[in-house]
Amino acid sequence: MELLRSENADDHQSFRYQPLANPGSSIRLIEVDPELSTDGKLQIQLFESVLSEEYTCLSYVWGQKNKGGRPFTILVNDKTFPVRCNLNIFLHLARRKYPKRRIWIDAICIDQKNKAEKSDQVSRMGEIYSRAVKVYAWLGEASRETDLVFAVLQQFRDRKREETCPAYFDAAEQLSFYRQLFRDTYEAEAGALPNGCDSYDEMLHEELNWLAPIYTRCYWRRVWIVQELVLARLVIVCCGDRSIDFDDIYGLSPDWGSFEQGFDITGYQMVKQHTAGWNTIRTVHGHRSRRKVVKLNMEGGLLYPISITMSENGDVAILDEVIKIYAQHHECSCPKDKVYGFLLLAIQAVNSGQIKTDNEAAHLYNVEQTMIQQ
């Protein structure tokens, strides 16, 4: 492992990137040191690697620099490096929970001032996220409300394994069974059920409104998270010290209605703005389900699944579906990202010539205006 150091070895000078030795095939990864520097700074080792090595990815919102407008300072290979507030919080968490774990984070692992490198690495984002062992979906700092929701979801997941629904129940009875189980779980954790309020979305089951502390986070409005989550092998959603499998956030899916409801475009447009995040969760879950490959085995004349993996194919939707469902509801600082951020979800549109891109010049053709206007 060769560390990427700046040319001058004096302590605490600003970090300078060295060009990637193999730009077309290599990436940079970081490891967070469990120990702070002697002057109390967080320390990171940055090094060049290849996609075949084991690593994880971070999916997050860049957000503001900090409350005072200036970034935080960490040490990258013993040199000072600025990071924004949201990333700084995650890195300090990683120091405690994931020390020495190899992580890919775009703000650090890509030389953001090198246009050629940035263009090349952004064009490979789908490959980078799909090859990672897991992706951390970082929602930011926790609150009392988010801690409660995470605890409820974790308990509900465990109780579903222990208290299975009777096989002879019809669909309506199953729905009633699991909704009551969820309500019992919530009441046990919180001490009481929430009172209804005007902000509740009448299009959702009442209980889904109780998950609002999670799905109203600005994370779910970011353009790039869609591609990052759909293409990931495994997604772990993190908020403060709490974490849970993405599928357990949408753990009500098998019991409270098909994920295909997520593709109800009319419903998506009518949803209240503050609950659009839930529809992102629901629809991403549906697209991830399309990528699942179930291997079956036959024993005693019965088929049963022996493993479920994620296919390498990221093409999970037609272009119009991606435009109508995602583009109008997600935020980005650069309008072109509404194309690039969803591109690999409809890769057939690229292969057929519906979308033509030039990574260096960042020109968009044909559907660009359609997507930006949505």
Foldseek 3Di string as FASTA:
>chain_A
DDFAADPDPDAAAAGDGDDDPDLQFKWKWKFWALDAPPVGATEITIDIDGLVDAAEEEQEDQDAQDPVRFFDWHHYVRYTDGGRDQVVLVSNVCSVVPGRGIYDYCVPTFPPVDLVSVLSVLLCVLVNLLSYPEYEYELGADDPLQVLLLQLLVVLVVVCVVDPDDPPDDLVVLLVVSVVSSLVSSCVSVVHDDDDDPPDWPVDDRVLSSNLVRLLRLSLQALQVLSSLLSHFWYWYDHHPGIDTLCSNVVCCVRNHDLCVLLPLVVLVPTDLSNNSVSSSSVSVVLSVQQKDFDWDDDPNDIDTDDITGHNQLQRDAPVSLLSNRLVRHDDPDLLCLCSSCCSNHVVCVVVPCWDADSSVGDTDNCSVVSSVD
